[in-house]
Amino acid sequence: MSCYHSDGCKKDKCIRDIVRDIVKAQDEVAEREHSCSTSCEQSIRELLSPTANENQKTTIPVMLYTKDSEIFKAEGYKSLGGKQWLVKTKVFKVKKFVEGSRHCVKLELLKPIKHSPSSTVSTPCRKKHVDEFKSTGICITVDLKCFCGIACLEPITPEPVTSGDLEC
């Protein structure tokens, strides 16, 4: 995947403009119930909706995609219980834009938590699942110009991470 560059792209041949035209055409013929069930727009609507947000959700977890179509990963250390714990993640909470910047944003690392299965029955499905995300308090600053995609998950209210969540 390559990103849009204004210097060598003719207006009528830009991928961005073609995609915009495709979306416009699809919107004209699509029915409302066939829209994306998971998208940033849907997550934002859900977070702000007073009826859908009965549990007072506070966070839209996001994943960012690099110019090489890879999911951005970050790591940092959390001091907890007298120990330093390494936290690695692909999921973030957007905290705020850096003061005076239009492109730099502070992200908090969200720790994916998988709970142990309650039974010993094995299943053929070996796909990874996450039961919840926990707030780590570990923040990084990134330049949004370095990314070409974003995926939003459903809104959540992350609880603070504990040392038990960090033990492997």
C-alpha atoms as a PDB file:
ATOM      1  CA  MET A   1       0.000   0.000   0.000  1.00  0.00           C
ATOM      2  CA  SER A   2       1.285   3.428  -0.741  1.00  0.00           C
ATOM      3  CA  CYS A   3       0.019   6.711   0.558  1.00  0.00           C
ATOM      4  CA  TYR A   4      -1.318   9.653  -1.370  1.00  0.00           C
ATOM      5  CA  HIS A   5       1.327  12.108  -2.481  1.00  0.00           C
ATOM      6  CA  SER A   6       0.111  15.388  -3.965  1.00  0.00           C
ATOM      7  CA  ASP A   7       3.320  16.025  -5.880  1.00  0.00           C
ATOM      8  CA  GLY A   8       2.952  13.298  -8.520  1.00  0.00           C
ATOM      9  CA  CYS A   9      -0.749  12.608  -8.627  1.00  0.00           C
ATOM     10  CA  LYS A  10      -3.081  13.981 -11.258  1.00  0.00           C
ATOM     11  CA  LYS A  11      -6.481  14.894  -9.817  1.00  0.00           C
ATOM     12  CA  ASP A  12      -8.504  12.598 -12.093  1.00  0.00           C
ATOM     13  CA  LYS A  13      -6.239   9.589 -11.518  1.00  0.00           C
ATOM     14  CA  CYS A  14      -5.698   9.745  -7.764  1.00  0.00           C
ATOM     15  CA  ILE A  15      -6.582   6.656  -5.778  1.00  0.00           C
ATOM     16  CA  ARG A  16      -8.073   8.935  -3.152  1.00  0.00           C
ATOM     17  CA  ASP A  17     -10.403  10.564  -5.694  1.00  0.00           C
ATOM     18  CA  ILE A  18     -11.415   7.239  -7.242  1.00  0.00           C
ATOM     19  CA  VAL A  19     -12.210   5.795  -3.808  1.00  0.00           C
ATOM     20  CA  ARG A  20     -14.237   8.915  -3.001  1.00  0.00           C
ATOM     21  CA  ASP A  21     -16.234   8.404  -6.235  1.00  0.00           C
ATOM     22  CA  ILE A  22     -16.808   4.724  -5.401  1.00  0.00           C
ATOM     23  CA  VAL A  23     -18.116   5.593  -1.936  1.00  0.00           C
ATOM     24  CA  LYS A  24     -20.393   8.263  -3.373  1.00  0.00           C
ATOM     25  CA  ALA A  25     -21.823   5.836  -5.948  1.00  0.00           C
ATOM     26  CA  GLN A  26     -22.296   3.095  -3.348  1.00  0.00           C
ATOM     27  CA  ASP A  27     -24.029   5.509  -0.988  1.00  0.00           C
ATOM     28  CA  GLU A  28     -26.507   6.400  -3.728  1.00  0.00           C
ATOM     29  CA  VAL A  29     -27.593   2.778  -4.215  1.00  0.00           C
ATOM     30  CA  ALA A  30     -27.020   1.191  -0.793  1.00  0.00           C
ATOM     31  CA  GLU A  31     -29.672   0.659   1.820  1.00  0.00           C
ATOM     32  CA  ARG A  32     -28.962   1.847   5.364  1.00  0.00           C
ATOM     33  CA  GLU A  33     -28.982  -1.648   6.906  1.00  0.00           C
ATOM     34  CA  HIS A  34     -26.175  -2.806   4.631  1.00  0.00           C
ATOM     35  CA  SER A  35     -23.642  -0.338   5.999  1.00  0.00           C
ATOM     36  CA  CYS A  36     -20.533  -1.337   7.943  1.00  0.00           C
ATOM     37  CA  SER A  37     -21.361  -2.703  11.361  1.00  0.00           C
ATOM     38  CA  THR A  38     -17.893  -1.878  12.661  1.00  0.00           C
ATOM     39  CA  SER A  39     -16.317   1.385  11.624  1.00  0.00           C
ATOM     40  CA  CYS A  40     -14.947   4.535  13.195  1.00  0.00           C
ATOM     41  CA  GLU A  41     -18.114   6.425  12.328  1.00  0.00           C
ATOM     42  CA  GLN A  42     -20.269   3.707  13.932  1.00  0.00           C
ATOM     43  CA  SER A  43     -18.072   3.637  17.061  1.00  0.00           C
ATOM     44  CA  ILE A  44     -18.258   7.427  17.395  1.00  0.00           C
ATOM     45  CA  ARG A  45     -22.061   7.372  16.998  1.00  0.00           C
ATOM     46  CA  GLU A  46     -22.303   4.599  19.623  1.00  0.00           C
ATOM     47  CA  LEU A  47     -20.041   6.423  22.085  1.00  0.00           C
ATOM     48  CA  LEU A  48     -22.043   9.652  21.791  1.00  0.00           C
ATOM     49  CA  SER A  49     -25.517   8.097  21.684  1.00  0.00           C
ATOM     50  CA  PRO A  50     -27.299   8.510  25.029  1.00  0.00           C
ATOM     51  CA  THR A  51     -29.394   5.370  24.452  1.00  0.00           C
ATOM     52  CA  ALA A  52     -26.627   3.141  23.110  1.00  0.00           C
ATOM     53  CA  ASN A  53     -24.154   4.269  25.754  1.00  0.00           C
ATOM     54  CA  GLU A  54     -26.103   3.205  28.845  1.00  0.00           C
ATOM     55  CA  ASN A  55     -22.935   1.870  30.499  1.00  0.00           C
ATOM     56  CA  GLN A  56     -21.136   5.216  30.034  1.00  0.00           C
ATOM     57  CA  LYS A  57     -18.439   3.929  27.694  1.00  0.00           C
ATOM     58  CA  THR A  58     -15.438   6.253  27.586  1.00  0.00           C
ATOM     59  CA  THR A  59     -13.054   4.964  24.939  1.00  0.00           C
ATOM     60  CA  ILE A  60     -12.945   4.008  21.268  1.00  0.00           C
ATOM     61  CA  PRO A  61      -9.977   1.629  20.937  1.00  0.00           C
ATOM     62  CA  VAL A  62      -8.076   2.074  17.673  1.00  0.00           C
ATOM     63  CA  MET A  63      -5.543   0.187  15.601  1.00  0.00           C
ATOM     64  CA  LEU A  64      -3.292   2.058  13.163  1.00  0.00           C
ATOM     65  CA  TYR A  65      -1.883   0.746   9.889  1.00  0.00           C
ATOM     66  CA  THR A  66       1.542   1.754   8.588  1.00  0.00           C
ATOM     67  CA  LYS A  67       2.377   2.684   5.009  1.00  0.00           C
ATOM     68  CA  ASP A  68       3.399  -0.970   4.513  1.00  0.00           C
ATOM     69  CA  SER A  69      -0.089  -2.251   5.494  1.00  0.00           C
ATOM     70  CA  GLU A  70       1.236  -3.542   8.801  1.00  0.00           C
ATOM     71  CA  ILE A  71      -0.579  -3.070  12.084  1.00  0.00           C
ATOM     72  CA  PHE A  72       1.381  -0.604  14.204  1.00  0.00           C
ATOM     73  CA  LYS A  73       2.716  -2.152  17.419  1.00  0.00           C
ATOM     74  CA  ALA A  74       4.128  -0.342  20.419  1.00  0.00           C
ATOM     75  CA  GLU A  75       5.534  -1.293  23.773  1.00  0.00           C
ATOM     76  CA  GLY A  76       6.403   0.352  27.020  1.00  0.00           C
ATOM     77  CA  TYR A  77       7.129  -0.414  30.643  1.00  0.00           C
ATOM     78  CA  LYS A  78       4.652  -0.144  33.505  1.00  0.00           C
ATOM     79  CA  SER A  79       5.902   0.110  37.072  1.00  0.00           C
ATOM     80  CA  LEU A  80       3.507  -1.835  39.270  1.00  0.00           C
ATOM     81  CA  GLY A  81       3.911  -3.768  42.511  1.00  0.00           C
ATOM     82  CA  GLY A  82       7.614  -2.932  42.726  1.00  0.00           C
ATOM     83  CA  LYS A  83       8.316  -4.475  39.308  1.00  0.00           C
ATOM     84  CA  GLN A  84       8.724  -3.211  35.770  1.00  0.00           C
ATOM     85  CA  TRP A  85       6.317  -4.929  33.371  1.00  0.00           C
ATOM     86  CA  LEU A  86       6.715  -4.882  29.598  1.00  0.00           C
ATOM     87  CA  VAL A  87       3.436  -4.153  27.810  1.00  0.00           C
ATOM     88  CA  LYS A  88       3.140  -4.830  24.070  1.00  0.00           C
ATOM     89  CA  THR A  89       0.026  -3.900  22.122  1.00  0.00           C
ATOM     90  CA  LYS A  90      -1.560  -3.060  18.791  1.00  0.00           C
ATOM     91  CA  VAL A  91      -4.552  -1.276  20.360  1.00  0.00           C
ATOM     92  CA  PHE A  92      -4.593   2.286  21.654  1.00  0.00           C
ATOM     93  CA  LYS A  93      -6.730   4.965  23.238  1.00  0.00           C
ATOM     94  CA  VAL A  94      -6.339   8.364  21.596  1.00  0.00           C
ATOM     95  CA  LYS A  95      -5.639  10.778  24.456  1.00  0.00           C
ATOM     96  CA  LYS A  96      -5.111  14.173  22.826  1.00  0.00           C
ATOM     97  CA  PHE A  97      -3.298  16.099  20.146  1.00  0.00           C
ATOM     98  CA  VAL A  98       0.069  17.501  21.149  1.00  0.00           C
ATOM     99  CA  GLU A  99      -0.338  21.197  21.864  1.00  0.00           C
ATOM    100  CA  GLY A 100       0.373  23.247  18.757  1.00  0.00           C
ATOM    101  CA  SER A 101       0.433  20.241  16.421  1.00  0.00           C
ATOM    102  CA  ARG A 102      -2.098  19.128  13.814  1.00  0.00           C
ATOM    103  CA  HIS A 103      -0.437  15.753  13.244  1.00  0.00           C
ATOM    104  CA  CYS A 104       1.129  14.590  16.509  1.00  0.00           C
ATOM    105  CA  VAL A 105      -1.099  12.774  18.972  1.00  0.00           C
ATOM    106  CA  LYS A 106      -0.618  11.093  22.334  1.00  0.00           C
ATOM    107  CA  LEU A 107      -1.794   7.454  22.457  1.00  0.00           C
ATOM    108  CA  GLU A 108      -2.261   5.282  25.542  1.00  0.00           C
ATOM    109  CA  LEU A 109      -1.331   1.621  25.196  1.00  0.00           C
ATOM    110  CA  LEU A 110      -4.304  -0.640  25.959  1.00  0.00           C
ATOM    111  CA  LYS A 111      -3.431  -4.099  27.285  1.00  0.00           C
ATOM    112  CA  PRO A 112      -5.446  -6.928  25.715  1.00  0.00           C
ATOM    113  CA  ILE A 113      -6.656  -9.377  28.357  1.00  0.00           C
ATOM    114  CA  LYS A 114      -7.535 -13.004  27.622  1.00  0.00           C
ATOM    115  CA  HIS A 115      -9.292 -14.856  30.409  1.00  0.00           C
ATOM    116  CA  SER A 116      -8.619 -18.553  30.956  1.00  0.00           C
ATOM    117  CA  PRO A 117     -11.273 -20.840  29.554  1.00  0.00           C
ATOM    118  CA  SER A 118     -13.659 -22.070  32.221  1.00  0.00           C
ATOM    119  CA  SER A 119     -13.715 -25.601  30.824  1.00  0.00           C
ATOM    120  CA  THR A 120     -11.099 -28.049  29.614  1.00  0.00           C
ATOM    121  CA  VAL A 121     -12.973 -28.829  26.401  1.00  0.00           C
ATOM    122  CA  SER A 122     -10.775 -28.104  23.417  1.00  0.00           C
ATOM    123  CA  THR A 123     -12.228 -26.566  20.290  1.00  0.00           C
ATOM    124  CA  PRO A 124     -11.004 -26.704  16.704  1.00  0.00           C
ATOM    125  CA  CYS A 125     -11.130 -22.913  16.507  1.00  0.00           C
ATOM    126  CA  ARG A 126      -7.684 -21.576  17.310  1.00  0.00           C
ATOM    127  CA  LYS A 127      -8.347 -17.943  16.505  1.00  0.00           C
ATOM    128  CA  LYS A 128      -7.124 -15.390  18.987  1.00  0.00           C
ATOM    129  CA  HIS A 129      -9.712 -13.569  21.026  1.00  0.00           C
ATOM    130  CA  VAL A 130      -9.554 -10.829  23.582  1.00  0.00           C
ATOM    131  CA  ASP A 131     -12.038 -10.552  26.433  1.00  0.00           C
ATOM    132  CA  GLU A 132     -11.273  -6.939  27.350  1.00  0.00           C
ATOM    133  CA  PHE A 133      -8.717  -4.152  27.189  1.00  0.00           C
ATOM    134  CA  LYS A 134      -7.170  -2.558  30.262  1.00  0.00           C
ATOM    135  CA  SER A 135      -5.827   0.971  30.645  1.00  0.00           C
ATOM    136  CA  THR A 136      -2.052   0.975  31.216  1.00  0.00           C
ATOM    137  CA  GLY A 137      -1.238   4.653  31.697  1.00  0.00           C
ATOM    138  CA  ILE A 138       1.670   4.166  29.263  1.00  0.00           C
ATOM    139  CA  CYS A 139       1.545   6.861  26.589  1.00  0.00           C
ATOM    140  CA  ILE A 140       3.477   7.423  23.389  1.00  0.00           C
ATOM    141  CA  THR A 141       3.440  10.291  20.920  1.00  0.00           C
ATOM    142  CA  VAL A 142       3.080   9.521  17.216  1.00  0.00           C
ATOM    143  CA  ASP A 143       2.959  11.524  14.001  1.00  0.00           C
ATOM    144  CA  LEU A 144      -0.286  10.685  12.201  1.00  0.00           C
ATOM    145  CA  LYS A 145       1.375  11.472   8.864  1.00  0.00           C
ATOM    146  CA  CYS A 146       3.226   8.152   9.279  1.00  0.00           C
ATOM    147  CA  PHE A 147       0.011   6.083   9.029  1.00  0.00           C
ATOM    148  CA  CYS A 148      -2.265   5.195   6.156  1.00  0.00           C
ATOM    149  CA  GLY A 149      -5.165   3.491   7.919  1.00  0.00           C
ATOM    150  CA  ILE A 150      -7.167   3.287  11.119  1.00  0.00           C
ATOM    151  CA  ALA A 151      -9.573   0.681  12.472  1.00  0.00           C
ATOM    152  CA  CYS A 152     -11.906   1.459  15.351  1.00  0.00           C
ATOM    153  CA  LEU A 153     -13.250  -1.137  17.753  1.00  0.00           C
ATOM    154  CA  GLU A 154     -16.508  -0.922  19.657  1.00  0.00           C
ATOM    155  CA  PRO A 155     -16.536   1.592  22.521  1.00  0.00           C
ATOM    156  CA  ILE A 156     -15.390   0.323  25.928  1.00  0.00           C
ATOM    157  CA  THR A 157     -14.611   1.560  29.422  1.00  0.00           C
ATOM    158  CA  PRO A 158     -11.176   0.170  30.243  1.00  0.00           C
ATOM    159  CA  GLU A 159     -10.380  -0.577  33.866  1.00  0.00           C
ATOM    160  CA  PRO A 160      -6.830   0.085  35.144  1.00  0.00           C
ATOM    161  CA  VAL A 161      -4.376  -2.746  34.575  1.00  0.00           C
ATOM    162  CA  THR A 162      -3.246  -4.759  37.615  1.00  0.00           C
ATOM    163  CA  SER A 163      -0.071  -6.786  38.169  1.00  0.00           C
ATOM    164  CA  GLY A 164      -2.211  -9.925  37.781  1.00  0.00           C
ATOM    165  CA  ASP A 165      -3.120  -8.766  34.275  1.00  0.00           C
ATOM    166  CA  LEU A 166       0.564  -8.438  33.388  1.00  0.00           C
ATOM    167  CA  GLU A 167       1.751 -11.840  34.620  1.00  0.00           C
ATOM    168  CA  CYS A 168       2.183 -14.445  31.908  1.00  0.00           C
END
